[in-house]
Amino acid sequence: MNISRIRNAFPILQRRNYLNSCSLGALSDRAEERLHDFVARWHEYGASAWYEHWWGLLGDLRGRVEALFAAPAGTVALMPSTSACLAAISSSLDWTKRNRIVTTELDFPTLLYQWKVRPDAEMVVLQSPDGVHIDPQQFADAVDDRTLAIATSHVFFTTGTIQDLAAIAAIARRAGACSIIDGYQGAGQIPADLPATGVDFYTAGPLKWLCGGPGLAYLYVRDELIPTLEPTITSWFASQDQFDFNAGEFRYHADARRFELGTPALATVHTALGGQEIIDEVGMEAIRARNVMLTDRLVDGCRAAGFSPRVSDEPASRSAVITVRHPDPAPAVAHLAHRGIIVDNRPGVVRASPHFYNTADEIDAFLEALGETVR
């Protein structure tokens, strides 16, 4: 990995110690060039740019995301957001015989809100015994013949803990339920062979570790499941005969595009491709290895300085989302920003999220400045 060349591709790194990729991945000059190209073609061609240039980019992005997930062609849909993914999934499931959703207190609220507002849904929210993990056995104990789905995260946004997707998928399938995984915190930092895990649905997007910006999400649907599902939240992009403009007949796309909800955010399609190209060139195994090095240094440094990181005690299940307990996190983050170090805060913690483009020196500078906030 040529770290100097990689860092030169991300202009913010020349001005800031940017350790906040779990909120928003850094923008690369390659993504910016693609965005300028989008604007230029809009000026030059207007709507005809769709036919000559833009339409093909949608297929390119789906294909790159499928390769990222080691997934077959036709298993990824482009969506507006994780919320839209969950709504489309929910509308495609049969609620008449099963209505129990098993989720956890450590999951991002969006994953819970989807079911909370359904009067016909029964929710089981698993509690973490240590505030960091959920044991797979807890899912197994909660699932029964009333369970429609296990809905949980690949990586918990609260603690950065990586869950065992294969174990969760197997638990759901044995009970006749499906597995719905929010992968937004994981995609781009944790390698994932989704068909090998057996998960039924996996949502992700370019906002964070994939360095592609906001306004877009990805929905993976297990290949064998696609023909059996007919979402009732739909659009013309979900139609098999999209450009027939036949209002009298609707036929679902044969592949995962049957879940798509209208014209994607094309500007983000461009920036997402720019970010994805860099992720693909560096490679997920190399990204994971470098992030492990950076986060091990961060966790060890926090402990040496007297801080208490809220992270998994099992290094293999620890991601690059590092939350550090702090008595006054918001002013601490403001102090760090004054020092040119960009992190974030959540209730009771300062959150740092280094990525492959960061350096050990940047981790050390963060630790020094964090220490200043309690002295």
Protein backbone atom coordinates (compact mmCIF):
# COMPACT_ATOMS: atom_id res chain seq x y z
CA MET A 1 0.00 0.00 0.00
CA ASN A 2 1.49 3.33 -1.11
CA ILE A 3 0.14 5.41 1.74
CA SER A 4 1.61 8.69 0.45
CA ARG A 5 -0.10 8.28 -2.92
CA ILE A 6 -3.36 7.29 -1.24
CA ARG A 7 -3.29 10.26 1.12
CA ASN A 8 -2.58 12.65 -1.74
CA ALA A 9 -5.84 11.49 -3.32
CA PHE A 10 -7.86 12.87 -0.36
CA PRO A 11 -7.48 16.67 -0.08
CA ILE A 12 -8.91 16.94 3.44
CA LEU A 13 -5.96 14.96 4.77
CA GLN A 14 -3.61 17.78 3.75
CA ARG A 15 -5.49 20.16 6.05
CA ARG A 16 -6.99 18.09 8.85
CA ASN A 17 -6.34 15.04 10.98
CA TYR A 18 -9.54 13.39 9.79
CA LEU A 19 -10.64 10.50 12.03
CA ASN A 20 -14.38 10.59 11.35
CA SER A 21 -14.96 8.16 8.49
CA CYS A 22 -17.83 6.47 10.33
CA SER A 23 -19.77 9.73 9.94
CA LEU A 24 -18.62 10.65 6.44
CA GLY A 25 -15.80 9.16 4.40
CA ALA A 26 -13.21 11.57 3.01
CA LEU A 27 -13.80 12.87 -0.52
CA SER A 28 -11.17 11.82 -3.05
CA ASP A 29 -10.02 13.92 -5.97
CA ARG A 30 -11.11 11.03 -8.20
CA ALA A 31 -14.67 11.26 -6.87
CA GLU A 32 -14.56 15.04 -7.30
CA GLU A 33 -13.41 14.65 -10.92
CA ARG A 34 -16.31 12.33 -11.60
CA LEU A 35 -18.69 14.87 -10.08
CA HIS A 36 -17.27 17.61 -12.33
CA ASP A 37 -17.73 15.24 -15.29
CA PHE A 38 -21.38 14.76 -14.30
CA VAL A 39 -21.94 18.53 -14.24
CA ALA A 40 -20.10 19.03 -17.54
CA ARG A 41 -22.16 16.39 -19.33
CA TRP A 42 -25.35 17.86 -17.87
CA HIS A 43 -24.36 21.22 -19.39
CA GLU A 44 -23.35 19.65 -22.70
CA TYR A 45 -26.03 17.04 -23.31
CA GLY A 46 -28.94 17.74 -21.01
CA ALA A 47 -31.27 14.74 -20.78
CA SER A 48 -29.52 12.93 -23.62
CA ALA A 49 -26.60 12.32 -21.28
CA TRP A 50 -28.78 9.61 -19.78
CA TYR A 51 -28.67 7.53 -22.93
CA GLU A 52 -25.10 8.23 -23.97
CA HIS A 53 -23.33 8.22 -20.60
CA TRP A 54 -25.26 7.98 -17.34
CA TRP A 55 -27.38 4.87 -17.77
CA GLY A 56 -24.33 2.66 -18.06
CA LEU A 57 -22.88 4.07 -14.85
CA LEU A 58 -25.78 2.64 -12.85
CA GLY A 59 -24.86 -0.83 -14.08
CA ASP A 60 -21.18 -0.16 -13.40
CA LEU A 61 -21.90 0.76 -9.80
CA ARG A 62 -24.20 -2.21 -9.18
CA GLY A 63 -21.50 -4.47 -10.60
CA ARG A 64 -18.74 -3.00 -8.44
CA VAL A 65 -20.86 -3.35 -5.30
CA GLU A 66 -21.69 -6.95 -6.21
CA ALA A 67 -17.96 -7.63 -6.58
CA LEU A 68 -17.32 -5.96 -3.21
CA PHE A 69 -19.78 -8.41 -1.63
CA ALA A 70 -18.60 -11.41 -3.71
CA ALA A 71 -22.22 -11.56 -4.86
CA PRO A 72 -23.70 -12.79 -8.14
CA ALA A 73 -24.78 -10.36 -10.84
CA GLY A 74 -28.30 -9.06 -10.35
CA THR A 75 -28.36 -9.24 -6.54
CA VAL A 76 -27.79 -5.53 -5.74
CA ALA A 77 -30.29 -2.68 -6.08
CA LEU A 78 -29.54 1.04 -5.89
CA MET A 79 -31.72 2.70 -3.26
CA PRO A 80 -32.20 6.17 -1.73
CA SER A 81 -31.35 5.21 1.88
CA THR A 82 -31.23 2.40 4.41
CA SER A 83 -34.72 3.46 5.53
CA ALA A 84 -36.00 2.95 1.99
CA CYS A 85 -34.28 -0.44 1.83
CA LEU A 86 -35.96 -1.55 5.05
CA ALA A 87 -39.35 -0.27 3.90
CA ALA A 88 -39.10 -2.14 0.60
CA ILE A 89 -38.00 -5.32 2.38
CA SER A 90 -40.82 -5.02 4.90
CA SER A 91 -43.39 -4.57 2.15
CA SER A 92 -42.22 -7.76 0.43
CA LEU A 93 -42.52 -10.06 3.47
CA ASP A 94 -45.56 -12.12 4.43
CA TRP A 95 -46.82 -10.79 7.78
CA THR A 96 -49.93 -13.00 7.94
CA LYS A 97 -48.33 -15.98 9.72
CA ARG A 98 -45.34 -14.39 11.47
CA ASN A 99 -44.90 -10.91 12.90
CA ARG A 100 -42.01 -11.04 15.40
CA ILE A 101 -38.87 -9.00 14.68
CA VAL A 102 -35.79 -9.69 16.79
CA THR A 103 -33.34 -6.81 17.04
CA THR A 104 -31.01 -5.30 19.68
CA GLU A 105 -30.47 -2.22 21.81
CA LEU A 106 -27.06 -1.68 20.16
CA ASP A 107 -28.46 -1.29 16.63
CA PHE A 108 -28.82 2.05 14.87
CA PRO A 109 -32.30 3.50 15.64
CA THR A 110 -33.41 3.37 11.99
CA LEU A 111 -33.33 -0.41 12.21
CA LEU A 112 -35.78 -0.34 15.12
CA TYR A 113 -38.01 2.50 13.96
CA GLN A 114 -39.07 0.56 10.86
CA TRP A 115 -40.85 -2.04 12.99
CA LYS A 116 -41.91 0.23 15.89
CA VAL A 117 -44.35 2.09 13.67
CA ARG A 118 -46.01 -1.09 12.40
CA PRO A 119 -49.03 -1.91 14.60
CA ASP A 120 -48.89 -5.54 13.43
CA ALA A 121 -45.23 -6.04 14.41
CA GLU A 122 -44.11 -7.58 17.68
CA MET A 123 -40.59 -6.50 18.59
CA VAL A 124 -38.05 -8.31 20.73
CA VAL A 125 -35.14 -5.99 21.58
CA LEU A 126 -32.19 -7.93 22.95
CA GLN A 127 -30.22 -6.29 25.76
CA SER A 128 -26.43 -6.40 25.80
CA PRO A 129 -25.04 -7.92 29.01
CA ASP A 130 -21.88 -5.79 28.83
CA GLY A 131 -22.98 -2.82 26.71
CA VAL A 132 -20.65 -3.97 23.91
CA HIS A 133 -21.69 -7.39 22.52
CA ILE A 134 -24.74 -9.47 21.72
CA ASP A 135 -24.05 -13.19 21.99
CA PRO A 136 -25.43 -15.20 19.02
CA GLN A 137 -27.10 -17.48 21.56
CA GLN A 138 -29.29 -14.54 22.56
CA PHE A 139 -30.71 -14.50 19.03
CA ALA A 140 -31.19 -18.26 19.12
CA ASP A 141 -33.07 -18.04 22.41
CA ALA A 142 -35.35 -15.25 21.13
CA VAL A 143 -36.28 -16.76 17.75
CA ASP A 144 -39.30 -19.05 17.45
CA ASP A 145 -42.01 -19.97 14.96
CA ARG A 146 -43.54 -16.49 15.32
CA THR A 147 -40.34 -14.79 14.16
CA LEU A 148 -40.44 -13.14 10.75
CA ALA A 149 -36.91 -11.74 10.81
CA ILE A 150 -33.76 -11.09 12.75
CA ALA A 151 -32.91 -7.46 11.97
CA THR A 152 -29.52 -6.37 13.24
CA SER A 153 -26.19 -4.81 12.29
CA HIS A 154 -23.00 -6.10 10.76
CA VAL A 155 -21.07 -3.59 12.92
CA PHE A 156 -22.71 -1.91 15.92
CA PHE A 157 -22.50 1.86 15.60
CA THR A 158 -22.46 2.10 19.39
CA THR A 159 -19.42 -0.10 20.06
CA GLY A 160 -17.84 -1.04 16.72
CA THR A 161 -18.34 -4.74 17.47
CA ILE A 162 -18.46 -6.97 14.40
CA GLN A 163 -21.21 -9.59 14.49
CA ASP A 164 -21.01 -13.15 13.15
CA LEU A 165 -23.28 -12.89 10.12
CA ALA A 166 -23.12 -16.59 9.26
CA ALA A 167 -24.26 -17.53 12.77
CA ILE A 168 -27.13 -15.05 12.68
CA ALA A 169 -28.25 -16.16 9.21
CA ALA A 170 -28.18 -19.82 10.27
CA ILE A 171 -30.25 -19.11 13.40
CA ALA A 172 -32.87 -17.29 11.36
CA ARG A 173 -33.05 -19.93 8.64
CA ARG A 174 -33.41 -22.84 11.07
CA ALA A 175 -36.49 -21.11 12.48
CA GLY A 176 -37.96 -20.33 9.06
CA ALA A 177 -37.23 -16.60 9.50
CA CYS A 178 -35.14 -14.26 7.38
CA SER A 179 -32.02 -12.28 8.24
CA ILE A 180 -31.90 -8.52 7.58
CA ILE A 181 -28.48 -6.98 8.12
CA ASP A 182 -27.73 -3.27 8.32
CA GLY A 183 -24.21 -3.20 6.90
CA TYR A 184 -23.80 0.56 6.57
CA GLN A 185 -21.22 0.67 9.38
CA GLY A 186 -19.30 -2.28 7.93
CA ALA A 187 -19.16 -2.05 4.14
CA GLY A 188 -15.81 -0.65 3.07
CA GLN A 189 -13.96 -1.49 6.27
CA ILE A 190 -14.83 -5.18 6.85
CA PRO A 191 -14.49 -7.72 4.00
CA ALA A 192 -17.80 -9.48 3.38
CA ASP A 193 -18.60 -12.52 1.22
CA LEU A 194 -22.36 -12.22 1.55
CA PRO A 195 -23.39 -15.41 -0.27
CA ALA A 196 -21.02 -17.36 2.00
CA THR A 197 -22.67 -15.90 5.11
CA GLY A 198 -26.14 -16.92 3.96
CA VAL A 199 -27.78 -13.62 4.93
CA ASP A 200 -31.02 -12.83 3.11
CA PHE A 201 -30.76 -9.01 2.98
CA TYR A 202 -27.85 -6.64 3.51
CA THR A 203 -28.02 -2.86 3.28
CA ALA A 204 -25.04 -0.57 2.83
CA GLY A 205 -24.03 2.63 1.06
CA PRO A 206 -21.19 4.93 0.02
CA LEU A 207 -21.56 7.56 2.76
CA LYS A 208 -18.97 6.22 5.22
CA TRP A 209 -16.13 3.78 4.58
CA LEU A 210 -16.74 3.61 0.82
CA CYS A 211 -15.93 7.33 0.48
CA GLY A 212 -18.73 8.08 -1.96
CA GLY A 213 -20.92 10.61 -0.18
CA PRO A 214 -24.58 10.83 0.90
CA GLY A 215 -27.80 10.22 -0.98
CA LEU A 216 -27.50 6.58 -2.01
CA ALA A 217 -27.79 3.09 -0.51
CA TYR A 218 -27.20 -0.47 -1.70
CA LEU A 219 -29.52 -3.40 -1.10
CA TYR A 220 -28.24 -6.96 -1.51
CA VAL A 221 -30.87 -9.71 -1.72
CA ARG A 222 -29.92 -13.39 -1.63
CA ASP A 223 -30.09 -14.72 -5.18
CA GLU A 224 -32.54 -17.57 -4.57
CA LEU A 225 -34.89 -15.30 -2.64
CA ILE A 226 -35.34 -12.62 -5.30
CA PRO A 227 -37.99 -14.35 -7.48
CA THR A 228 -40.18 -15.04 -4.43
CA LEU A 229 -40.48 -11.42 -3.30
CA GLU A 230 -42.80 -8.72 -4.61
CA PRO A 231 -42.34 -5.42 -2.74
CA THR A 232 -45.48 -3.29 -2.66
CA ILE A 233 -43.46 -0.09 -2.39
CA THR A 234 -42.32 0.27 -5.96
CA SER A 235 -41.45 2.50 -8.92
CA TRP A 236 -40.84 2.49 -12.64
CA PHE A 237 -37.23 1.41 -12.03
CA ALA A 238 -38.59 -1.83 -10.56
CA SER A 239 -40.50 -2.67 -13.75
CA GLN A 240 -39.23 -5.35 -16.12
CA ASP A 241 -40.38 -3.23 -19.07
CA GLN A 242 -39.27 0.12 -17.71
CA PHE A 243 -39.10 1.98 -20.99
CA ASP A 244 -42.37 0.67 -22.41
CA PHE A 245 -44.14 3.23 -20.19
CA ASN A 246 -47.12 0.91 -20.04
CA ALA A 247 -49.38 2.18 -17.25
CA GLY A 248 -51.76 -0.73 -17.72
CA GLU A 249 -49.35 -3.50 -16.75
CA PHE A 250 -46.58 -3.95 -14.17
CA ARG A 251 -44.10 -6.81 -14.15
CA TYR A 252 -41.30 -7.01 -11.60
CA HIS A 253 -37.70 -7.00 -12.74
CA ALA A 254 -36.24 -10.49 -12.69
CA ASP A 255 -33.32 -9.43 -10.50
CA ALA A 256 -32.82 -7.23 -7.39
CA ARG A 257 -33.79 -4.14 -9.37
CA ARG A 258 -37.39 -5.09 -8.51
CA PHE A 259 -36.67 -3.31 -5.19
CA GLU A 260 -35.48 -0.03 -6.72
CA LEU A 261 -37.42 3.14 -5.92
CA GLY A 262 -37.01 5.55 -8.79
CA THR A 263 -34.22 7.58 -10.32
CA PRO A 264 -31.06 7.27 -8.19
CA ALA A 265 -29.15 10.32 -6.97
CA LEU A 266 -26.95 10.55 -10.03
CA ALA A 267 -24.43 12.98 -8.56
CA THR A 268 -23.76 10.48 -5.77
CA VAL A 269 -23.57 7.64 -8.28
CA HIS A 270 -20.59 9.50 -9.75
CA THR A 271 -18.84 10.20 -6.44
CA ALA A 272 -19.60 6.66 -5.26
CA LEU A 273 -17.87 5.25 -8.34
CA GLY A 274 -14.85 7.45 -7.67
CA GLY A 275 -14.60 6.24 -4.09
CA GLN A 276 -15.30 2.62 -5.00
CA GLU A 277 -12.50 2.59 -7.57
CA ILE A 278 -9.97 3.45 -4.86
CA ILE A 279 -11.41 0.87 -2.45
CA ASP A 280 -11.19 -1.76 -5.19
CA GLU A 281 -7.61 -0.85 -6.09
CA VAL A 282 -6.38 -0.96 -2.51
CA GLY A 283 -8.39 -4.11 -1.74
CA MET A 284 -10.52 -4.98 1.24
CA GLU A 285 -7.99 -7.32 2.85
CA ALA A 286 -5.32 -4.59 2.80
CA ILE A 287 -7.81 -2.02 4.11
CA ARG A 288 -8.83 -4.31 6.96
CA ALA A 289 -5.19 -5.06 7.88
CA ARG A 290 -4.26 -1.39 7.99
CA ASN A 291 -7.35 -0.45 9.98
CA VAL A 292 -6.54 -3.17 12.53
CA MET A 293 -3.07 -1.68 12.96
CA LEU A 294 -4.46 1.83 13.44
CA THR A 295 -7.24 0.81 15.82
CA ASP A 296 -4.98 -1.41 17.92
CA ARG A 297 -2.69 1.57 18.38
CA LEU A 298 -5.65 3.79 19.25
CA VAL A 299 -7.15 1.36 21.79
CA ASP A 300 -3.79 0.61 23.42
CA GLY A 301 -2.97 4.31 23.56
CA CYS A 302 -6.31 5.17 25.15
CA ARG A 303 -5.83 2.59 27.85
CA ALA A 304 -2.26 3.72 28.51
CA ALA A 305 -3.55 7.29 28.92
CA GLY A 306 -6.20 6.22 31.45
CA PHE A 307 -9.20 6.28 29.12
CA SER A 308 -11.70 3.43 28.85
CA PRO A 309 -12.51 2.47 25.25
CA ARG A 310 -15.96 0.97 24.81
CA VAL A 311 -14.84 -1.74 22.40
CA SER A 312 -14.91 -5.48 22.06
CA ASP A 313 -12.39 -7.35 24.20
CA GLU A 314 -11.94 -9.75 21.27
CA PRO A 315 -9.63 -8.05 18.72
CA ALA A 316 -11.02 -10.12 15.82
CA SER A 317 -14.52 -8.69 16.41
CA ARG A 318 -13.28 -5.11 16.78
CA SER A 319 -13.82 -2.70 13.87
CA ALA A 320 -12.46 0.78 13.19
CA VAL A 321 -15.36 2.37 15.11
CA ILE A 322 -13.71 3.24 18.44
CA THR A 323 -15.78 4.87 21.17
CA VAL A 324 -13.97 6.23 24.21
CA ARG A 325 -15.80 6.97 27.46
CA HIS A 326 -15.44 10.66 28.36
CA PRO A 327 -17.01 12.82 31.08
CA ASP A 328 -17.83 15.66 28.68
CA PRO A 329 -17.64 14.47 25.07
CA ALA A 330 -19.08 17.45 23.15
CA PRO A 331 -16.58 20.05 24.48
CA ALA A 332 -13.81 17.49 24.01
CA VAL A 333 -14.72 17.10 20.33
CA ALA A 334 -14.79 20.90 19.97
CA HIS A 335 -11.31 21.11 21.52
CA LEU A 336 -10.02 18.47 19.14
CA ALA A 337 -11.54 20.31 16.18
CA HIS A 338 -9.71 23.47 17.32
CA ARG A 339 -6.52 21.41 17.09
CA GLY A 340 -7.46 20.32 13.55
CA ILE A 341 -8.51 16.81 14.62
CA ILE A 342 -11.96 15.82 13.38
CA VAL A 343 -13.83 13.17 15.40
CA ASP A 344 -17.41 12.89 16.68
CA ASN A 345 -19.31 12.32 19.89
CA ARG A 346 -22.21 10.17 20.98
CA PRO A 347 -23.84 10.05 24.42
CA GLY A 348 -21.06 9.53 26.95
CA VAL A 349 -18.30 8.87 24.42
CA VAL A 350 -15.89 10.43 21.97
CA ARG A 351 -15.90 8.43 18.73
CA ALA A 352 -12.84 8.14 16.50
CA SER A 353 -13.03 6.17 13.26
CA PRO A 354 -9.71 5.97 11.39
CA HIS A 355 -9.57 4.52 7.90
CA PHE A 356 -6.85 3.11 5.67
CA TYR A 357 -5.72 6.60 4.60
CA ASN A 358 -4.84 7.62 8.17
CA THR A 359 -1.42 7.26 9.81
CA ALA A 360 -0.01 6.18 13.17
CA ASP A 361 1.17 9.75 13.74
CA GLU A 362 -2.42 10.97 13.40
CA ILE A 363 -3.53 8.42 16.01
CA ASP A 364 -0.82 9.66 18.39
CA ALA A 365 -1.81 13.30 17.84
CA PHE A 366 -5.43 12.41 18.66
CA LEU A 367 -4.38 10.66 21.87
CA GLU A 368 -2.28 13.64 22.98
CA ALA A 369 -5.11 16.12 22.30
CA LEU A 370 -7.69 13.88 23.95
CA GLY A 371 -5.56 13.81 27.07
CA GLU A 372 -5.63 17.61 27.14
CA THR A 373 -9.43 17.53 27.49
CA VAL A 374 -9.25 15.98 30.97
CA ARG A 375 -6.16 17.74 32.31
